[in-house]
Amino acid sequence: METGRGGEGVLSQANADKRDQIVELLKQAYFAELETVINYVTNSVNPDGVRAQEIKEALEEDVQEELGHAQQFASRIKDLYGTVPGSLDFQAVQTTLQPPEDQVDVVHVIKGVIDAETSAIELYTQVIEETEGVDPVTQDMVITILHDEQGHRRLFEGFLREYAAEGLA
């Protein structure tokens, strides 16, 4: 059905296929953020030991930001005439961010966070490339979120370097 959106870029009928591709990427991003929230909550509670406290606090702070990212992706999916998926469509993939068997293994958590942030950075870079020239609104939003994810990764890479310097990683 034509909706009279011919001159509206990504919202135009002519760009329906491209819009659908972007929506699918946004759904991946939405679920990635929600899975990260689950795992950050888990890893902000489970670790034990004095050295774990700073990691737990950093993850606890990041939970709200990651949840906010998921909400932004959900809103953009809806803006692009998509349907935000429910939990039955969710499939967990963050194997390295699962809690370690030994709750004092903070290095495991740090490496899991770095892996999750790297995956997000790769996905968001793909979204930015796909939206180039057709959807500047989504592109701008994802560039901002990408900046946040790069900062998270950089923080945890610093934690890992500290552990490595002390011979603990």
C-alpha atoms as a PDB file:
ATOM      1  CA  MET A   1       0.000   0.000   0.000  1.00  0.00           C
ATOM      2  CA  GLU A   2       1.420   3.390  -0.960  1.00  0.00           C
ATOM      3  CA  THR A   3       1.479   5.798   1.953  1.00  0.00           C
ATOM      4  CA  GLY A   4       2.538   8.960   0.171  1.00  0.00           C
ATOM      5  CA  ARG A   5       6.097   8.805   1.500  1.00  0.00           C
ATOM      6  CA  GLY A   6       7.875   9.003  -1.853  1.00  0.00           C
ATOM      7  CA  GLY A   7      10.374  11.754  -0.963  1.00  0.00           C
ATOM      8  CA  GLU A   8      11.171  10.599   2.549  1.00  0.00           C
ATOM      9  CA  GLY A   9      14.459   8.757   2.139  1.00  0.00           C
ATOM     10  CA  VAL A  10      14.541   5.493   4.056  1.00  0.00           C
ATOM     11  CA  LEU A  11      10.826   5.839   4.829  1.00  0.00           C
ATOM     12  CA  SER A  12       9.880   5.939   1.158  1.00  0.00           C
ATOM     13  CA  GLN A  13       8.273   2.956  -0.522  1.00  0.00           C
ATOM     14  CA  ALA A  14      11.209   2.841  -2.944  1.00  0.00           C
ATOM     15  CA  ASN A  15      13.540   2.113  -0.014  1.00  0.00           C
ATOM     16  CA  ALA A  16      11.369  -0.569   1.601  1.00  0.00           C
ATOM     17  CA  ASP A  17      13.922  -3.352   1.031  1.00  0.00           C
ATOM     18  CA  LYS A  18      16.791  -1.278   2.395  1.00  0.00           C
ATOM     19  CA  ARG A  19      14.648  -0.251   5.357  1.00  0.00           C
ATOM     20  CA  ASP A  20      13.893  -3.918   6.060  1.00  0.00           C
ATOM     21  CA  GLN A  21      17.647  -4.697   6.031  1.00  0.00           C
ATOM     22  CA  ILE A  22      18.297  -1.879   8.476  1.00  0.00           C
ATOM     23  CA  VAL A  23      15.458  -3.015  10.740  1.00  0.00           C
ATOM     24  CA  GLU A  24      16.931  -6.533  10.860  1.00  0.00           C
ATOM     25  CA  LEU A  25      20.312  -5.125  11.903  1.00  0.00           C
ATOM     26  CA  LEU A  26      18.609  -2.976  14.530  1.00  0.00           C
ATOM     27  CA  LYS A  27      16.866  -6.059  15.901  1.00  0.00           C
ATOM     28  CA  GLN A  28      20.263  -7.748  16.251  1.00  0.00           C
ATOM     29  CA  ALA A  29      21.559  -4.670  18.049  1.00  0.00           C
ATOM     30  CA  TYR A  30      18.476  -4.567  20.296  1.00  0.00           C
ATOM     31  CA  PHE A  31      18.957  -8.162  21.400  1.00  0.00           C
ATOM     32  CA  ALA A  32      22.731  -7.686  21.798  1.00  0.00           C
ATOM     33  CA  GLU A  33      22.105  -4.817  24.201  1.00  0.00           C
ATOM     34  CA  LEU A  34      19.497  -6.761  26.173  1.00  0.00           C
ATOM     35  CA  GLU A  35      21.807  -9.761  26.457  1.00  0.00           C
ATOM     36  CA  THR A  36      24.587  -7.462  27.599  1.00  0.00           C
ATOM     37  CA  VAL A  37      22.287  -6.057  30.290  1.00  0.00           C
ATOM     38  CA  ILE A  38      21.575  -9.585  31.550  1.00  0.00           C
ATOM     39  CA  ASN A  39      25.247 -10.507  31.633  1.00  0.00           C
ATOM     40  CA  TYR A  40      26.388  -7.201  33.130  1.00  0.00           C
ATOM     41  CA  VAL A  41      23.858  -7.572  35.947  1.00  0.00           C
ATOM     42  CA  THR A  42      25.097 -11.125  36.520  1.00  0.00           C
ATOM     43  CA  ASN A  43      28.741 -10.104  36.492  1.00  0.00           C
ATOM     44  CA  SER A  44      28.130  -7.039  38.661  1.00  0.00           C
ATOM     45  CA  VAL A  45      26.832  -9.332  41.410  1.00  0.00           C
ATOM     46  CA  ASN A  46      28.651 -12.692  41.235  1.00  0.00           C
ATOM     47  CA  PRO A  47      32.390 -11.889  41.433  1.00  0.00           C
ATOM     48  CA  ASP A  48      34.059 -12.138  44.838  1.00  0.00           C
ATOM     49  CA  GLY A  49      37.161 -10.553  46.256  1.00  0.00           C
ATOM     50  CA  VAL A  50      38.629  -7.136  46.853  1.00  0.00           C
ATOM     51  CA  ARG A  51      39.932  -6.875  43.300  1.00  0.00           C
ATOM     52  CA  ALA A  52      36.468  -7.573  41.900  1.00  0.00           C
ATOM     53  CA  GLN A  53      34.846  -4.488  43.391  1.00  0.00           C
ATOM     54  CA  GLU A  54      35.946  -1.977  40.729  1.00  0.00           C
ATOM     55  CA  ILE A  55      34.880  -4.326  37.927  1.00  0.00           C
ATOM     56  CA  LYS A  56      31.499  -4.899  39.551  1.00  0.00           C
ATOM     57  CA  GLU A  57      30.938  -1.171  39.981  1.00  0.00           C
ATOM     58  CA  ALA A  58      31.887  -0.425  36.369  1.00  0.00           C
ATOM     59  CA  LEU A  59      29.453  -3.072  35.113  1.00  0.00           C
ATOM     60  CA  GLU A  60      26.705  -1.851  37.405  1.00  0.00           C
ATOM     61  CA  GLU A  61      27.077   1.664  35.969  1.00  0.00           C
ATOM     62  CA  ASP A  62      27.038   0.325  32.399  1.00  0.00           C
ATOM     63  CA  VAL A  63      23.764  -1.586  32.876  1.00  0.00           C
ATOM     64  CA  GLN A  64      21.620   1.542  32.636  1.00  0.00           C
ATOM     65  CA  GLU A  65      23.507   2.825  29.602  1.00  0.00           C
ATOM     66  CA  GLU A  66      23.172  -0.513  27.782  1.00  0.00           C
ATOM     67  CA  LEU A  67      19.466  -0.649  28.638  1.00  0.00           C
ATOM     68  CA  GLY A  68      19.110   2.855  27.241  1.00  0.00           C
ATOM     69  CA  HIS A  69      20.774   1.685  24.024  1.00  0.00           C
ATOM     70  CA  ALA A  70      18.276  -1.185  23.762  1.00  0.00           C
ATOM     71  CA  GLN A  71      15.426   1.284  24.200  1.00  0.00           C
ATOM     72  CA  GLN A  72      16.855   3.530  21.476  1.00  0.00           C
ATOM     73  CA  PHE A  73      17.136   0.583  19.089  1.00  0.00           C
ATOM     74  CA  ALA A  74      13.548  -0.462  19.896  1.00  0.00           C
ATOM     75  CA  SER A  75      12.242   3.028  19.205  1.00  0.00           C
ATOM     76  CA  ARG A  76      14.119   3.246  15.931  1.00  0.00           C
ATOM     77  CA  ILE A  77      12.801  -0.160  14.823  1.00  0.00           C
ATOM     78  CA  LYS A  78       9.284   1.159  15.398  1.00  0.00           C
ATOM     79  CA  ASP A  79      10.095   4.468  13.617  1.00  0.00           C
ATOM     80  CA  LEU A  80      11.153   2.444  10.567  1.00  0.00           C
ATOM     81  CA  TYR A  81       7.801   0.603  10.528  1.00  0.00           C
ATOM     82  CA  GLY A  82       9.288  -2.539  12.037  1.00  0.00           C
ATOM     83  CA  THR A  83       8.001  -4.543  14.962  1.00  0.00           C
ATOM     84  CA  VAL A  84      10.140  -4.752  18.072  1.00  0.00           C
ATOM     85  CA  PRO A  85      10.627  -8.487  18.732  1.00  0.00           C
ATOM     86  CA  GLY A  86       9.684 -10.255  21.943  1.00  0.00           C
ATOM     87  CA  SER A  87      11.642 -12.665  24.086  1.00  0.00           C
ATOM     88  CA  LEU A  88      10.688 -15.743  22.052  1.00  0.00           C
ATOM     89  CA  ASP A  89      12.799 -14.383  19.192  1.00  0.00           C
ATOM     90  CA  PHE A  90      15.825 -13.976  21.468  1.00  0.00           C
ATOM     91  CA  GLN A  91      18.818 -16.301  21.184  1.00  0.00           C
ATOM     92  CA  ALA A  92      21.755 -15.846  23.545  1.00  0.00           C
ATOM     93  CA  VAL A  93      25.190 -15.684  21.911  1.00  0.00           C
ATOM     94  CA  GLN A  94      27.536 -14.107  24.468  1.00  0.00           C
ATOM     95  CA  THR A  95      29.340 -17.272  25.509  1.00  0.00           C
ATOM     96  CA  THR A  96      32.468 -15.539  26.806  1.00  0.00           C
ATOM     97  CA  LEU A  97      30.456 -13.239  29.082  1.00  0.00           C
ATOM     98  CA  GLN A  98      28.920 -16.097  31.041  1.00  0.00           C
ATOM     99  CA  PRO A  99      29.865 -16.110  34.733  1.00  0.00           C
ATOM    100  CA  PRO A 100      33.083 -17.968  35.504  1.00  0.00           C
ATOM    101  CA  GLU A 101      33.040 -21.173  37.549  1.00  0.00           C
ATOM    102  CA  ASP A 102      35.395 -19.547  40.059  1.00  0.00           C
ATOM    103  CA  GLN A 103      33.801 -16.323  41.261  1.00  0.00           C
ATOM    104  CA  VAL A 104      37.209 -14.738  41.928  1.00  0.00           C
ATOM    105  CA  ASP A 105      38.157 -15.125  38.241  1.00  0.00           C
ATOM    106  CA  VAL A 106      37.752 -11.455  37.436  1.00  0.00           C
ATOM    107  CA  VAL A 107      39.975 -11.746  34.346  1.00  0.00           C
ATOM    108  CA  HIS A 108      37.346 -14.031  32.786  1.00  0.00           C
ATOM    109  CA  VAL A 109      34.735 -11.310  33.302  1.00  0.00           C
ATOM    110  CA  ILE A 110      37.011  -8.602  31.896  1.00  0.00           C
ATOM    111  CA  LYS A 111      37.773 -10.629  28.774  1.00  0.00           C
ATOM    112  CA  GLY A 112      34.059 -11.396  28.336  1.00  0.00           C
ATOM    113  CA  VAL A 113      33.215  -7.699  28.479  1.00  0.00           C
ATOM    114  CA  ILE A 114      35.907  -6.901  25.908  1.00  0.00           C
ATOM    115  CA  ASP A 115      34.516  -9.602  23.595  1.00  0.00           C
ATOM    116  CA  ALA A 116      30.940  -8.333  23.990  1.00  0.00           C
ATOM    117  CA  GLU A 117      31.948  -4.734  23.339  1.00  0.00           C
ATOM    118  CA  THR A 118      34.018  -5.775  20.324  1.00  0.00           C
ATOM    119  CA  SER A 119      31.027  -7.638  18.873  1.00  0.00           C
ATOM    120  CA  ALA A 120      28.832  -4.591  19.438  1.00  0.00           C
ATOM    121  CA  ILE A 121      31.404  -2.323  17.784  1.00  0.00           C
ATOM    122  CA  GLU A 122      31.539  -4.613  14.749  1.00  0.00           C
ATOM    123  CA  LEU A 123      27.728  -4.775  14.460  1.00  0.00           C
ATOM    124  CA  TYR A 124      27.278  -1.028  14.897  1.00  0.00           C
ATOM    125  CA  THR A 125      29.963  -0.325  12.314  1.00  0.00           C
ATOM    126  CA  GLN A 126      27.973  -2.520   9.912  1.00  0.00           C
ATOM    127  CA  VAL A 127      24.781  -0.580  10.698  1.00  0.00           C
ATOM    128  CA  ILE A 128      26.599   2.694  10.043  1.00  0.00           C
ATOM    129  CA  GLU A 129      27.808   1.391   6.675  1.00  0.00           C
ATOM    130  CA  GLU A 130      24.339   0.108   5.713  1.00  0.00           C
ATOM    131  CA  THR A 131      22.670   3.409   6.562  1.00  0.00           C
ATOM    132  CA  GLU A 132      25.172   5.555   4.656  1.00  0.00           C
ATOM    133  CA  GLY A 133      23.344   7.856   2.272  1.00  0.00           C
ATOM    134  CA  VAL A 134      19.895   6.415   2.998  1.00  0.00           C
ATOM    135  CA  ASP A 135      19.148   6.767   6.729  1.00  0.00           C
ATOM    136  CA  PRO A 136      21.090   9.558   8.439  1.00  0.00           C
ATOM    137  CA  VAL A 137      18.874   9.475  11.540  1.00  0.00           C
ATOM    138  CA  THR A 138      19.685   5.854  12.343  1.00  0.00           C
ATOM    139  CA  GLN A 139      23.305   6.415  11.363  1.00  0.00           C
ATOM    140  CA  ASP A 140      23.648   9.378  13.733  1.00  0.00           C
ATOM    141  CA  MET A 141      22.058   7.441  16.598  1.00  0.00           C
ATOM    142  CA  VAL A 142      24.305   4.428  16.057  1.00  0.00           C
ATOM    143  CA  ILE A 143      27.442   6.574  15.787  1.00  0.00           C
ATOM    144  CA  THR A 144      26.669   7.956  19.245  1.00  0.00           C
ATOM    145  CA  ILE A 145      26.064   4.470  20.654  1.00  0.00           C
ATOM    146  CA  LEU A 146      29.261   3.229  18.969  1.00  0.00           C
ATOM    147  CA  HIS A 147      31.181   5.932  20.817  1.00  0.00           C
ATOM    148  CA  ASP A 148      29.802   4.631  24.130  1.00  0.00           C
ATOM    149  CA  GLU A 149      30.760   1.043  23.300  1.00  0.00           C
ATOM    150  CA  GLN A 150      34.289   2.044  22.315  1.00  0.00           C
ATOM    151  CA  GLY A 151      34.642   3.784  25.673  1.00  0.00           C
ATOM    152  CA  HIS A 152      33.424   0.711  27.540  1.00  0.00           C
ATOM    153  CA  ARG A 153      35.871  -1.520  25.698  1.00  0.00           C
ATOM    154  CA  ARG A 154      38.731   0.888  26.309  1.00  0.00           C
ATOM    155  CA  LEU A 155      37.994   0.916  30.055  1.00  0.00           C
ATOM    156  CA  PHE A 156      38.030  -2.871  30.282  1.00  0.00           C
ATOM    157  CA  GLU A 157      41.146  -3.147  28.116  1.00  0.00           C
ATOM    158  CA  GLY A 158      42.791  -0.947  30.750  1.00  0.00           C
ATOM    159  CA  PHE A 159      41.643  -3.315  33.493  1.00  0.00           C
ATOM    160  CA  LEU A 160      43.058  -6.248  31.530  1.00  0.00           C
ATOM    161  CA  ARG A 161      46.419  -4.501  31.026  1.00  0.00           C
ATOM    162  CA  GLU A 162      46.647  -3.888  34.763  1.00  0.00           C
ATOM    163  CA  TYR A 163      45.985  -7.549  35.519  1.00  0.00           C
ATOM    164  CA  ALA A 164      48.505  -8.598  32.844  1.00  0.00           C
ATOM    165  CA  ALA A 165      51.156  -6.262  34.269  1.00  0.00           C
ATOM    166  CA  GLU A 166      50.704  -7.936  37.644  1.00  0.00           C
ATOM    167  CA  GLY A 167      50.957 -11.405  36.078  1.00  0.00           C
ATOM    168  CA  LEU A 168      47.292 -12.205  36.749  1.00  0.00           C
ATOM    169  CA  ALA A 169      46.088 -12.374  33.146  1.00  0.00           C
END
